[in-house]
PDB file of N, CA and C in Angstrom:
ATOM      1  N   MET A   1     -51.324  87.655  40.860  1.00  0.00           N
ATOM      2  CA  MET A   1     -50.936  88.262  39.618  1.00  0.00           C
ATOM      3  C   MET A   1     -52.131  88.881  38.905  1.00  0.00           C
ATOM      4  N   HIS A   2     -53.205  88.087  38.699  1.00  0.00           N
ATOM      5  CA  HIS A   2     -54.375  88.604  38.009  1.00  0.00           C
ATOM      6  C   HIS A   2     -55.513  88.904  38.992  1.00  0.00           C
ATOM      7  N   SER A   3     -55.205  88.938  40.269  1.00  0.00           N
ATOM      8  CA  SER A   3     -56.270  89.123  41.257  1.00  0.00           C
ATOM      9  C   SER A   3     -56.925  90.492  41.141  1.00  0.00           C
ATOM     10  N   HIS A   4     -56.215  91.452  40.568  1.00  0.00           N
ATOM     11  CA  HIS A   4     -56.781  92.786  40.445  1.00  0.00           C
ATOM     12  C   HIS A   4     -57.710  92.917  39.239  1.00  0.00           C
ATOM     13  N   ARG A   5     -57.690  91.943  38.329  1.00  0.00           N
ATOM     14  CA  ARG A   5     -58.521  92.009  37.131  1.00  0.00           C
ATOM     15  C   ARG A   5     -59.903  91.445  37.409  1.00  0.00           C
ATOM     16  N   ALA A   6     -60.914  92.047  36.845  1.00  0.00           N
ATOM     17  CA  ALA A   6     -62.312  91.610  36.954  1.00  0.00           C
ATOM     18  C   ALA A   6     -62.723  91.420  38.411  1.00  0.00           C
ATOM     19  N   ASN A   7     -62.186  92.253  39.264  1.00  0.00           N
ATOM     20  CA  ASN A   7     -62.525  92.222  40.692  1.00  0.00           C
ATOM     21  C   ASN A   7     -62.340  90.834  41.304  1.00  0.00           C
ATOM     22  N   GLY A   8     -61.311  90.127  40.901  1.00  0.00           N
ATOM     23  CA  GLY A   8     -61.026  88.808  41.464  1.00  0.00           C
ATOM     24  C   GLY A   8     -62.008  87.738  41.038  1.00  0.00           C
ATOM     25  N   ARG A   9     -62.755  87.973  39.966  1.00  0.00           N
ATOM     26  CA  ARG A   9     -63.796  87.039  39.522  1.00  0.00           C
ATOM     27  C   ARG A   9     -63.229  85.679  39.138  1.00  0.00           C
ATOM     28  N   TYR A  10     -61.998  85.619  38.647  1.00  0.00           N
ATOM     29  CA  TYR A  10     -61.433  84.363  38.164  1.00  0.00           C
ATOM     30  C   TYR A  10     -60.468  83.721  39.158  1.00  0.00           C
ATOM     31  N   ILE A  11     -60.614  84.021  40.422  1.00  0.00           N
ATOM     32  CA  ILE A  11     -59.768  83.457  41.470  1.00  0.00           C
ATOM     33  C   ILE A  11     -60.534  82.330  42.153  1.00  0.00           C
ATOM     34  N   GLY A  12     -59.850  81.239  42.433  1.00  0.00           N
ATOM     35  CA  GLY A  12     -60.451  80.135  43.179  1.00  0.00           C
ATOM     36  C   GLY A  12     -61.152  79.128  42.288  1.00  0.00           C
ATOM     37  N   ARG A  13     -61.834  78.182  42.929  1.00  0.00           N
ATOM     38  CA  ARG A  13     -62.539  77.111  42.236  1.00  0.00           C
ATOM     39  C   ARG A  13     -63.741  77.686  41.487  1.00  0.00           C
ATOM     40  N   TRP A  14     -63.975  77.161  40.268  1.00  0.00           N
ATOM     41  CA  TRP A  14     -65.068  77.649  39.433  1.00  0.00           C
ATOM     42  C   TRP A  14     -66.395  77.164  39.969  1.00  0.00           C
ATOM     43  N   LYS A  15     -67.368  78.037  39.954  1.00  0.00           N
ATOM     44  CA  LYS A  15     -68.710  77.658  40.380  1.00  0.00           C
ATOM     45  C   LYS A  15     -69.729  78.521  39.647  1.00  0.00           C
ATOM     46  N   ALA A  16     -70.896  77.959  39.473  1.00  0.00           N
ATOM     47  CA  ALA A  16     -72.007  78.664  38.835  1.00  0.00           C
ATOM     48  C   ALA A  16     -73.157  78.701  39.828  1.00  0.00           C
ATOM     49  N   GLU A  17     -73.665  79.878  40.075  1.00  0.00           N
ATOM     50  CA  GLU A  17     -74.750  80.029  41.050  1.00  0.00           C
ATOM     51  C   GLU A  17     -75.867  80.859  40.443  1.00  0.00           C
ATOM     52  N   ARG A  18     -77.091  80.442  40.700  1.00  0.00           N
ATOM     53  CA  ARG A  18     -78.249  81.204  40.238  1.00  0.00           C
ATOM     54  C   ARG A  18     -78.451  82.406  41.158  1.00  0.00           C
ATOM     55  N   THR A  19     -78.909  83.483  40.570  1.00  0.00           N
ATOM     56  CA  THR A  19     -79.174  84.672  41.389  1.00  0.00           C
ATOM     57  C   THR A  19     -80.391  84.453  42.274  1.00  0.00           C
ATOM     58  N   ASP A  20     -81.313  83.594  41.809  1.00  0.00           N
ATOM     59  CA  ASP A  20     -82.504  83.275  42.596  1.00  0.00           C
ATOM     60  C   ASP A  20     -82.735  81.776  42.471  1.00  0.00           C
ATOM     61  N   ASN A  21     -82.477  81.037  43.547  1.00  0.00           N
ATOM     62  CA  ASN A  21     -82.584  79.574  43.514  1.00  0.00           C
ATOM     63  C   ASN A  21     -84.008  79.076  43.308  1.00  0.00           C
ATOM     64  N   SER A  22     -84.998  79.874  43.617  1.00  0.00           N
ATOM     65  CA  SER A  22     -86.386  79.431  43.463  1.00  0.00           C
ATOM     66  C   SER A  22     -86.862  79.564  42.008  1.00  0.00           C
ATOM     67  N   ASP A  23     -86.152  80.337  41.194  1.00  0.00           N
ATOM     68  CA  ASP A  23     -86.547  80.553  39.797  1.00  0.00           C
ATOM     69  C   ASP A  23     -85.579  79.812  38.869  1.00  0.00           C
ATOM     70  N   PRO A  24     -86.031  78.757  38.154  1.00  0.00           N
ATOM     71  CA  PRO A  24     -85.117  78.007  37.286  1.00  0.00           C
ATOM     72  C   PRO A  24     -84.616  78.813  36.083  1.00  0.00           C
ATOM     73  N   ASP A  25     -85.325  79.894  35.741  1.00  0.00           N
ATOM     74  CA  ASP A  25     -84.909  80.733  34.616  1.00  0.00           C
ATOM     75  C   ASP A  25     -84.064  81.928  35.057  1.00  0.00           C
ATOM     76  N   ALA A  26     -83.728  81.962  36.329  1.00  0.00           N
ATOM     77  CA  ALA A  26     -82.922  83.084  36.835  1.00  0.00           C
ATOM     78  C   ALA A  26     -81.522  83.021  36.225  1.00  0.00           C
ATOM     79  N   PRO A  27     -80.906  84.183  36.010  1.00  0.00           N
ATOM     80  CA  PRO A  27     -79.555  84.192  35.432  1.00  0.00           C
ATOM     81  C   PRO A  27     -78.552  83.482  36.340  1.00  0.00           C
ATOM     82  N   VAL A  28     -77.545  82.914  35.702  1.00  0.00           N
ATOM     83  CA  VAL A  28     -76.490  82.206  36.419  1.00  0.00           C
ATOM     84  C   VAL A  28     -75.255  83.098  36.442  1.00  0.00           C
ATOM     85  N   ILE A  29     -74.663  83.226  37.602  1.00  0.00           N
ATOM     86  CA  ILE A  29     -73.431  84.003  37.749  1.00  0.00           C
ATOM     87  C   ILE A  29     -72.297  83.013  37.985  1.00  0.00           C
ATOM     88  N   CYS A  30     -71.292  83.092  37.129  1.00  0.00           N
ATOM     89  CA  CYS A  30     -70.143  82.200  37.235  1.00  0.00           C
ATOM     90  C   CYS A  30     -68.980  82.966  37.835  1.00  0.00           C
ATOM     91  N   SER A  31     -68.227  82.275  38.668  1.00  0.00           N
ATOM     92  CA  SER A  31     -67.037  82.893  39.235  1.00  0.00           C
ATOM     93  C   SER A  31     -65.980  81.822  39.424  1.00  0.00           C
ATOM     94  N   GLY A  32     -64.743  82.249  39.536  1.00  0.00           N
ATOM     95  CA  GLY A  32     -63.643  81.319  39.718  1.00  0.00           C
ATOM     96  C   GLY A  32     -62.970  80.981  38.402  1.00  0.00           C
ATOM     97  N   ASN A  33     -61.966  80.142  38.494  1.00  0.00           N
ATOM     98  CA  ASN A  33     -61.179  79.747  37.338  1.00  0.00           C
ATOM     99  C   ASN A  33     -61.799  78.503  36.717  1.00  0.00           C
ATOM    100  N   PRO A  34     -62.242  78.561  35.435  1.00  0.00           N
ATOM    101  CA  PRO A  34     -62.852  77.385  34.807  1.00  0.00           C
ATOM    102  C   PRO A  34     -61.912  76.177  34.751  1.00  0.00           C
ATOM    103  N   CYS A  35     -60.622  76.399  34.734  1.00  0.00           N
ATOM    104  CA  CYS A  35     -59.660  75.286  34.705  1.00  0.00           C
ATOM    105  C   CYS A  35     -59.657  74.521  36.028  1.00  0.00           C
ATOM    106  N   LEU A  36     -60.187  75.108  37.065  1.00  0.00           N
ATOM    107  CA  LEU A  36     -60.227  74.453  38.367  1.00  0.00           C
ATOM    108  C   LEU A  36     -61.574  73.791  38.637  1.00  0.00           C
ATOM    109  N   HIS A  37     -62.422  73.694  37.603  1.00  0.00           N
ATOM    110  CA  HIS A  37     -63.711  73.024  37.761  1.00  0.00           C
ATOM    111  C   HIS A  37     -63.466  71.540  37.989  1.00  0.00           C
ATOM    112  N   ILE A  38     -64.312  70.915  38.752  1.00  0.00           N
ATOM    113  CA  ILE A  38     -64.121  69.517  39.134  1.00  0.00           C
ATOM    114  C   ILE A  38     -64.101  68.591  37.916  1.00  0.00           C
ATOM    115  N   SER A  39     -64.887  68.898  36.882  1.00  0.00           N
ATOM    116  CA  SER A  39     -64.891  68.022  35.695  1.00  0.00           C
ATOM    117  C   SER A  39     -63.561  68.098  34.954  1.00  0.00           C
ATOM    118  N   VAL A  40     -62.943  69.273  34.892  1.00  0.00           N
ATOM    119  CA  VAL A  40     -61.636  69.416  34.260  1.00  0.00           C
ATOM    120  C   VAL A  40     -60.592  68.669  35.075  1.00  0.00           C
ATOM    121  N   GLU A  41     -60.653  68.812  36.382  1.00  0.00           N
ATOM    122  CA  GLU A  41     -59.703  68.114  37.245  1.00  0.00           C
ATOM    123  C   GLU A  41     -59.850  66.599  37.117  1.00  0.00           C
ATOM    124  N   ASN A  42     -61.084  66.104  36.987  1.00  0.00           N
ATOM    125  CA  ASN A  42     -61.301  64.663  36.826  1.00  0.00           C
ATOM    126  C   ASN A  42     -60.722  64.159  35.506  1.00  0.00           C
ATOM    127  N   VAL A  43     -60.897  64.923  34.437  1.00  0.00           N
ATOM    128  CA  VAL A  43     -60.348  64.523  33.144  1.00  0.00           C
ATOM    129  C   VAL A  43     -58.825  64.491  33.218  1.00  0.00           C
ATOM    130  N   MET A  44     -58.232  65.516  33.794  1.00  0.00           N
ATOM    131  CA  MET A  44     -56.773  65.573  33.907  1.00  0.00           C
ATOM    132  C   MET A  44     -56.252  64.417  34.757  1.00  0.00           C
ATOM    133  N   LYS A  45     -56.947  64.111  35.836  1.00  0.00           N
ATOM    134  CA  LYS A  45     -56.557  63.006  36.702  1.00  0.00           C
ATOM    135  C   LYS A  45     -56.631  61.680  35.939  1.00  0.00           C
ATOM    136  N   SER A  46     -57.675  61.507  35.135  1.00  0.00           N
ATOM    137  CA  SER A  46     -57.837  60.289  34.337  1.00  0.00           C
ATOM    138  C   SER A  46     -56.727  60.162  33.305  1.00  0.00           C
ATOM    139  N   ILE A  47     -56.386  61.260  32.641  1.00  0.00           N
ATOM    140  CA  ILE A  47     -55.319  61.240  31.633  1.00  0.00           C
ATOM    141  C   ILE A  47     -53.984  60.882  32.283  1.00  0.00           C
ATOM    142  N   LYS A  48     -53.691  61.500  33.414  1.00  0.00           N
ATOM    143  CA  LYS A  48     -52.429  61.220  34.110  1.00  0.00           C
ATOM    144  C   LYS A  48     -52.376  59.760  34.557  1.00  0.00           C
ATOM    145  N   HIS A  49     -53.505  59.241  35.019  1.00  0.00           N
ATOM    146  CA  HIS A  49     -53.551  57.838  35.443  1.00  0.00           C
ATOM    147  C   HIS A  49     -53.294  56.912  34.254  1.00  0.00           C
ATOM    148  N   GLN A  50     -53.920  57.222  33.120  1.00  0.00           N
ATOM    149  CA  GLN A  50     -53.728  56.391  31.934  1.00  0.00           C
ATOM    150  C   GLN A  50     -52.277  56.439  31.478  1.00  0.00           C
ATOM    151  N   LYS A  51     -51.661  57.601  31.516  1.00  0.00           N
ATOM    152  CA  LYS A  51     -50.265  57.731  31.100  1.00  0.00           C
ATOM    153  C   LYS A  51     -49.348  56.916  32.006  1.00  0.00           C
ATOM    154  N   LYS A  52     -49.657  56.864  33.291  1.00  0.00           N
ATOM    155  CA  LYS A  52     -48.843  56.077  34.217  1.00  0.00           C
ATOM    156  C   LYS A  52     -48.981  54.588  33.922  1.00  0.00           C
ATOM    157  N   GLN A  53     -50.185  54.177  33.498  1.00  0.00           N
ATOM    158  CA  GLN A  53     -50.422  52.768  33.205  1.00  0.00           C
ATOM    159  C   GLN A  53     -49.679  52.320  31.956  1.00  0.00           C
ATOM    160  N   GLU A  54     -49.494  53.245  31.039  1.00  0.00           N
ATOM    161  CA  GLU A  54     -48.781  52.912  29.807  1.00  0.00           C
ATOM    162  C   GLU A  54     -47.285  53.012  30.075  1.00  0.00           C
ATOM    163  N   SER A  55     -46.634  51.881  30.098  1.00  0.00           N
ATOM    164  CA  SER A  55     -45.205  51.894  30.404  1.00  0.00           C
ATOM    165  C   SER A  55     -44.367  52.205  29.176  1.00  0.00           C
ATOM    166  N   VAL A  56     -45.009  52.336  28.032  1.00  0.00           N
ATOM    167  CA  VAL A  56     -44.302  52.621  26.791  1.00  0.00           C
ATOM    168  C   VAL A  56     -43.919  54.100  26.784  1.00  0.00           C
ATOM    169  N   GLY A  57     -42.724  54.376  26.311  1.00  0.00           N
ATOM    170  CA  GLY A  57     -42.282  55.761  26.201  1.00  0.00           C
ATOM    171  C   GLY A  57     -43.089  56.497  25.150  1.00  0.00           C
ATOM    172  N   ARG A  58     -42.784  57.730  24.952  1.00  0.00           N
ATOM    173  CA  ARG A  58     -43.497  58.537  23.970  1.00  0.00           C
ATOM    174  C   ARG A  58     -43.255  57.998  22.575  1.00  0.00           C
ATOM    175  N   VAL A  59     -44.303  57.912  21.816  1.00  0.00           N
ATOM    176  CA  VAL A  59     -44.211  57.430  20.446  1.00  0.00           C
ATOM    177  C   VAL A  59     -44.744  58.537  19.534  1.00  0.00           C
ATOM    178  N   HIS A  60     -43.893  59.000  18.657  1.00  0.00           N
ATOM    179  CA  HIS A  60     -44.287  60.063  17.748  1.00  0.00           C
ATOM    180  C   HIS A  60     -44.188  59.570  16.312  1.00  0.00           C
ATOM    181  N   SER A  61     -44.995  60.148  15.478  1.00  0.00           N
ATOM    182  CA  SER A  61     -44.867  59.862  14.055  1.00  0.00           C
ATOM    183  C   SER A  61     -43.597  60.524  13.563  1.00  0.00           C
ATOM    184  N   ARG A  62     -43.033  59.933  12.569  1.00  0.00           N
ATOM    185  CA  ARG A  62     -41.860  60.555  11.979  1.00  0.00           C
ATOM    186  C   ARG A  62     -42.239  61.116  10.623  1.00  0.00           C
ATOM    187  N   ALA A  63     -41.432  62.012  10.144  1.00  0.00           N
ATOM    188  CA  ALA A  63     -41.682  62.589   8.831  1.00  0.00           C
ATOM    189  C   ALA A  63     -41.511  61.514   7.763  1.00  0.00           C
ATOM    190  N   MET A  64     -42.284  61.630   6.700  1.00  0.00           N
ATOM    191  CA  MET A  64     -42.173  60.664   5.616  1.00  0.00           C
ATOM    192  C   MET A  64     -40.870  60.887   4.872  1.00  0.00           C
ATOM    193  N   LEU A  65     -40.176  59.818   4.614  1.00  0.00           N
ATOM    194  CA  LEU A  65     -38.929  59.883   3.871  1.00  0.00           C
ATOM    195  C   LEU A  65     -39.196  59.580   2.404  1.00  0.00           C
ATOM    196  N   LEU A  66     -38.251  59.946   1.575  1.00  0.00           N
ATOM    197  CA  LEU A  66     -38.384  59.668   0.153  1.00  0.00           C
ATOM    198  C   LEU A  66     -38.482  58.166  -0.099  1.00  0.00           C
ATOM    199  N   THR A  67     -37.776  57.376   0.683  1.00  0.00           N
ATOM    200  CA  THR A  67     -37.864  55.917   0.518  1.00  0.00           C
ATOM    201  C   THR A  67     -39.277  55.411   0.820  1.00  0.00           C
ATOM    202  N   ASP A  68     -39.952  56.045   1.800  1.00  0.00           N
ATOM    203  CA  ASP A  68     -41.337  55.674   2.102  1.00  0.00           C
ATOM    204  C   ASP A  68     -42.236  55.982   0.909  1.00  0.00           C
ATOM    205  N   LEU A  69     -42.039  57.151   0.333  1.00  0.00           N
ATOM    206  CA  LEU A  69     -42.844  57.540  -0.817  1.00  0.00           C
ATOM    207  C   LEU A  69     -42.597  56.593  -1.989  1.00  0.00           C
ATOM    208  N   ARG A  70     -41.364  56.200  -2.185  1.00  0.00           N
ATOM    209  CA  ARG A  70     -41.044  55.268  -3.271  1.00  0.00           C
ATOM    210  C   ARG A  70     -41.722  53.911  -3.045  1.00  0.00           C
ATOM    211  N   LYS A  71     -41.753  53.438  -1.798  1.00  0.00           N
ATOM    212  CA  LYS A  71     -42.428  52.169  -1.502  1.00  0.00           C
ATOM    213  C   LYS A  71     -43.918  52.253  -1.825  1.00  0.00           C
ATOM    214  N   ILE A  72     -44.526  53.374  -1.466  1.00  0.00           N
ATOM    215  CA  ILE A  72     -45.950  53.558  -1.744  1.00  0.00           C
ATOM    216  C   ILE A  72     -46.179  53.636  -3.254  1.00  0.00           C
ATOM    217  N   TRP A  73     -45.287  54.315  -3.951  1.00  0.00           N
ATOM    218  CA  TRP A  73     -45.381  54.398  -5.407  1.00  0.00           C
ATOM    219  C   TRP A  73     -45.266  53.008  -6.025  1.00  0.00           C
ATOM    220  N   MET A  74     -44.339  52.202  -5.528  1.00  0.00           N
ATOM    221  CA  MET A  74     -44.170  50.848  -6.067  1.00  0.00           C
ATOM    222  C   MET A  74     -45.430  50.019  -5.823  1.00  0.00           C
ATOM    223  N   TRP A  75     -46.049  50.202  -4.676  1.00  0.00           N
ATOM    224  CA  TRP A  75     -47.314  49.521  -4.397  1.00  0.00           C
ATOM    225  C   TRP A  75     -48.374  49.965  -5.399  1.00  0.00           C
ATOM    226  N   SER A  76     -48.455  51.271  -5.646  1.00  0.00           N
ATOM    227  CA  SER A  76     -49.439  51.798  -6.587  1.00  0.00           C
ATOM    228  C   SER A  76     -49.194  51.265  -7.994  1.00  0.00           C
ATOM    229  N   VAL A  77     -47.921  51.225  -8.405  1.00  0.00           N
ATOM    230  CA  VAL A  77     -47.579  50.716  -9.740  1.00  0.00           C
ATOM    231  C   VAL A  77     -47.921  49.233  -9.845  1.00  0.00           C
ATOM    232  N   SER A  78     -47.686  48.472  -8.773  1.00  0.00           N
ATOM    233  CA  SER A  78     -47.989  47.038  -8.821  1.00  0.00           C
ATOM    234  C   SER A  78     -49.501  46.777  -8.845  1.00  0.00           C
ATOM    235  N   ASN A  79     -50.292  47.680  -8.288  1.00  0.00           N
ATOM    236  CA  ASN A  79     -51.748  47.531  -8.279  1.00  0.00           C
ATOM    237  C   ASN A  79     -52.421  48.124  -9.500  1.00  0.00           C
ATOM    238  N   CYS A  80     -51.733  49.036 -10.158  1.00  0.00           N
ATOM    239  CA  CYS A  80     -52.348  49.719 -11.292  1.00  0.00           C
ATOM    240  C   CYS A  80     -51.259  50.089 -12.290  1.00  0.00           C
ATOM    241  N   ASP A  81     -51.088  49.271 -13.298  1.00  0.00           N
ATOM    242  CA  ASP A  81     -50.098  49.555 -14.332  1.00  0.00           C
ATOM    243  C   ASP A  81     -50.706  50.570 -15.295  1.00  0.00           C
ATOM    244  N   ALA A  82     -50.454  51.831 -15.022  1.00  0.00           N
ATOM    245  CA  ALA A  82     -51.063  52.910 -15.789  1.00  0.00           C
ATOM    246  C   ALA A  82     -50.646  52.859 -17.249  1.00  0.00           C
ATOM    247  N   GLY A  83     -49.395  52.481 -17.508  1.00  0.00           N
ATOM    248  CA  GLY A  83     -48.919  52.424 -18.885  1.00  0.00           C
ATOM    249  C   GLY A  83     -49.727  51.451 -19.721  1.00  0.00           C
ATOM    250  N   ALA A  84     -49.991  50.290 -19.164  1.00  0.00           N
ATOM    251  CA  ALA A  84     -50.764  49.280 -19.897  1.00  0.00           C
ATOM    252  C   ALA A  84     -52.210  49.732 -20.075  1.00  0.00           C
ATOM    253  N   LEU A  85     -52.763  50.329 -19.022  1.00  0.00           N
ATOM    254  CA  LEU A  85     -54.150  50.774 -19.121  1.00  0.00           C
ATOM    255  C   LEU A  85     -54.300  51.976 -20.054  1.00  0.00           C
ATOM    256  N   MET A  86     -53.290  52.831 -20.109  1.00  0.00           N
ATOM    257  CA  MET A  86     -53.366  53.999 -20.987  1.00  0.00           C
ATOM    258  C   MET A  86     -53.260  53.587 -22.455  1.00  0.00           C
ATOM    259  N   ALA A  87     -52.612  52.447 -22.728  1.00  0.00           N
ATOM    260  CA  ALA A  87     -52.464  51.966 -24.101  1.00  0.00           C
ATOM    261  C   ALA A  87     -53.792  51.466 -24.656  1.00  0.00           C
ATOM    262  N   ILE A  88     -54.674  51.066 -23.755  1.00  0.00           N
ATOM    263  CA  ILE A  88     -55.995  50.589 -24.177  1.00  0.00           C
ATOM    264  C   ILE A  88     -56.863  51.802 -24.476  1.00  0.00           C
ATOM    265  N   SER A  89     -57.707  51.676 -25.453  1.00  0.00           N
ATOM    266  CA  SER A  89     -58.631  52.752 -25.793  1.00  0.00           C
ATOM    267  C   SER A  89     -59.557  53.015 -24.605  1.00  0.00           C
ATOM    268  N   ALA A  90     -59.858  54.275 -24.354  1.00  0.00           N
ATOM    269  CA  ALA A  90     -60.710  54.645 -23.224  1.00  0.00           C
ATOM    270  C   ALA A  90     -62.078  53.991 -23.330  1.00  0.00           C
ATOM    271  N   SER A  91     -62.544  53.764 -24.531  1.00  0.00           N
ATOM    272  CA  SER A  91     -63.866  53.152 -24.696  1.00  0.00           C
ATOM    273  C   SER A  91     -63.858  51.676 -24.305  1.00  0.00           C
ATOM    274  N   GLU A  92     -62.687  51.055 -24.277  1.00  0.00           N
ATOM    275  CA  GLU A  92     -62.591  49.642 -23.913  1.00  0.00           C
ATOM    276  C   GLU A  92     -62.528  49.430 -22.400  1.00  0.00           C
ATOM    277  N   LEU A  93     -62.243  50.491 -21.655  1.00  0.00           N
ATOM    278  CA  LEU A  93     -62.154  50.377 -20.193  1.00  0.00           C
ATOM    279  C   LEU A  93     -63.543  50.392 -19.582  1.00  0.00           C
ATOM    280  N   THR A  94     -63.747  49.570 -18.574  1.00  0.00           N
ATOM    281  CA  THR A  94     -65.012  49.587 -17.844  1.00  0.00           C
ATOM    282  C   THR A  94     -64.981  50.746 -16.847  1.00  0.00           C
ATOM    283  N   VAL A  95     -66.135  51.070 -16.319  1.00  0.00           N
ATOM    284  CA  VAL A  95     -66.216  52.164 -15.346  1.00  0.00           C
ATOM    285  C   VAL A  95     -65.368  51.873 -14.107  1.00  0.00           C
ATOM    286  N   PRO A  96     -65.400  50.666 -13.542  1.00  0.00           N
ATOM    287  CA  PRO A  96     -64.530  50.391 -12.385  1.00  0.00           C
ATOM    288  C   PRO A  96     -63.042  50.504 -12.730  1.00  0.00           C
ATOM    289  N   GLN A  97     -62.658  50.082 -13.951  1.00  0.00           N
ATOM    290  CA  GLN A  97     -61.254  50.215 -14.355  1.00  0.00           C
ATOM    291  C   GLN A  97     -60.854  51.681 -14.469  1.00  0.00           C
ATOM    292  N   ARG A  98     -61.747  52.482 -15.043  1.00  0.00           N
ATOM    293  CA  ARG A  98     -61.468  53.924 -15.146  1.00  0.00           C
ATOM    294  C   ARG A  98     -61.343  54.560 -13.764  1.00  0.00           C
ATOM    295  N   ALA A  99     -62.235  54.182 -12.855  1.00  0.00           N
ATOM    296  CA  ALA A  99     -62.194  54.730 -11.492  1.00  0.00           C
ATOM    297  C   ALA A  99     -60.895  54.340 -10.799  1.00  0.00           C
ATOM    298  N   HIS A 100     -60.500  53.078 -10.963  1.00  0.00           N
ATOM    299  CA  HIS A 100     -59.258  52.585 -10.350  1.00  0.00           C
ATOM    300  C   HIS A 100     -58.055  53.332 -10.923  1.00  0.00           C
ATOM    301  N   LEU A 101     -58.007  53.468 -12.230  1.00  0.00           N
ATOM    302  CA  LEU A 101     -56.914  54.178 -12.896  1.00  0.00           C
ATOM    303  C   LEU A 101     -56.870  55.640 -12.449  1.00  0.00           C
ATOM    304  N   THR A 102     -58.020  56.282 -12.427  1.00  0.00           N
ATOM    305  CA  THR A 102     -58.089  57.693 -12.024  1.00  0.00           C
ATOM    306  C   THR A 102     -57.622  57.884 -10.595  1.00  0.00           C
ATOM    307  N   GLU A 103     -58.064  57.005  -9.710  1.00  0.00           N
ATOM    308  CA  GLU A 103     -57.671  57.111  -8.296  1.00  0.00           C
ATOM    309  C   GLU A 103     -56.152  57.020  -8.141  1.00  0.00           C
ATOM    310  N   HIS A 104     -55.545  56.065  -8.798  1.00  0.00           N
ATOM    311  CA  HIS A 104     -54.096  55.895  -8.681  1.00  0.00           C
ATOM    312  C   HIS A 104     -53.336  57.054  -9.332  1.00  0.00           C
ATOM    313  N   LEU A 105     -53.778  57.496 -10.498  1.00  0.00           N
ATOM    314  CA  LEU A 105     -53.080  58.589 -11.169  1.00  0.00           C
ATOM    315  C   LEU A 105     -53.207  59.900 -10.392  1.00  0.00           C
ATOM    316  N   LEU A 106     -54.391  60.154  -9.835  1.00  0.00           N
ATOM    317  CA  LEU A 106     -54.560  61.360  -9.013  1.00  0.00           C
ATOM    318  C   LEU A 106     -53.675  61.301  -7.776  1.00  0.00           C
ATOM    319  N   TRP A 107     -53.618  60.130  -7.134  1.00  0.00           N
ATOM    320  CA  TRP A 107     -52.786  59.998  -5.948  1.00  0.00           C
ATOM    321  C   TRP A 107     -51.314  60.208  -6.286  1.00  0.00           C
ATOM    322  N   ARG A 108     -50.862  59.654  -7.404  1.00  0.00           N
ATOM    323  CA  ARG A 108     -49.461  59.812  -7.806  1.00  0.00           C
ATOM    324  C   ARG A 108     -49.132  61.261  -8.084  1.00  0.00           C
ATOM    325  N   ALA A 109     -50.031  61.952  -8.771  1.00  0.00           N
ATOM    326  CA  ALA A 109     -49.800  63.375  -9.063  1.00  0.00           C
ATOM    327  C   ALA A 109     -49.772  64.181  -7.765  1.00  0.00           C
ATOM    328  N   PHE A 110     -50.728  63.924  -6.885  1.00  0.00           N
ATOM    329  CA  PHE A 110     -50.783  64.657  -5.618  1.00  0.00           C
ATOM    330  C   PHE A 110     -49.542  64.409  -4.770  1.00  0.00           C
ATOM    331  N   SER A 111     -49.145  63.147  -4.643  1.00  0.00           N
ATOM    332  CA  SER A 111     -48.000  62.837  -3.781  1.00  0.00           C
ATOM    333  C   SER A 111     -46.717  63.439  -4.338  1.00  0.00           C
ATOM    334  N   SER A 112     -46.564  63.447  -5.650  1.00  0.00           N
ATOM    335  CA  SER A 112     -45.369  64.051  -6.249  1.00  0.00           C
ATOM    336  C   SER A 112     -45.326  65.546  -5.983  1.00  0.00           C
ATOM    337  N   LEU A 113     -46.470  66.205  -6.185  1.00  0.00           N
ATOM    338  CA  LEU A 113     -46.524  67.649  -5.961  1.00  0.00           C
ATOM    339  C   LEU A 113     -46.326  67.971  -4.487  1.00  0.00           C
ATOM    340  N   ALA A 114     -46.969  67.211  -3.607  1.00  0.00           N
ATOM    341  CA  ALA A 114     -46.830  67.463  -2.170  1.00  0.00           C
ATOM    342  C   ALA A 114     -45.391  67.275  -1.727  1.00  0.00           C
ATOM    343  N   TRP A 115     -44.718  66.242  -2.225  1.00  0.00           N
ATOM    344  CA  TRP A 115     -43.321  65.998  -1.854  1.00  0.00           C
ATOM    345  C   TRP A 115     -42.440  67.146  -2.330  1.00  0.00           C
ATOM    346  N   MET A 116     -42.666  67.582  -3.570  1.00  0.00           N
ATOM    347  CA  MET A 116     -41.852  68.664  -4.114  1.00  0.00           C
ATOM    348  C   MET A 116     -42.040  69.956  -3.305  1.00  0.00           C
ATOM    349  N   LEU A 117     -43.291  70.283  -2.987  1.00  0.00           N
ATOM    350  CA  LEU A 117     -43.544  71.510  -2.225  1.00  0.00           C
ATOM    351  C   LEU A 117     -43.004  71.407  -0.810  1.00  0.00           C
ATOM    352  N   TRP A 118     -43.099  70.230  -0.182  1.00  0.00           N
ATOM    353  CA  TRP A 118     -42.645  70.073   1.197  1.00  0.00           C
ATOM    354  C   TRP A 118     -41.130  70.176   1.308  1.00  0.00           C
ATOM    355  N   THR A 119     -40.410  69.700   0.284  1.00  0.00           N
ATOM    356  CA  THR A 119     -38.954  69.700   0.354  1.00  0.00           C
ATOM    357  C   THR A 119     -38.323  71.002  -0.138  1.00  0.00           C
ATOM    358  N   ARG A 120     -39.121  71.929  -0.572  1.00  0.00           N
ATOM    359  CA  ARG A 120     -38.570  73.202  -1.063  1.00  0.00           C
ATOM    360  C   ARG A 120     -38.016  74.018   0.071  1.00  0.00           C
TER     361      ARG A 120
END
């Protein structure tokens, strides 16, 4: 199919050869299909072997559901009661408390916006 392109340069096993073997700085001429290089074949063989060893079927992540987001929100609310912390004067909060509050509030805002944009 592609044998007529590049004068058959990409046909067969990939190899790199120096134009002058006695000169280490001589240019290298590559020919053949890089996908057929022995290192690529070894990696593919290793991957296929590992897949055969794993008797577990394919496992994919699933899309996040609204119930998942609600569970995460409930965890965030249980770890950081923003209402109670917001009622306290900002000057009374310590730096770690402010950081904790900020982290949770930023995450809640981001997750709400991301959910809204994703479901549009």
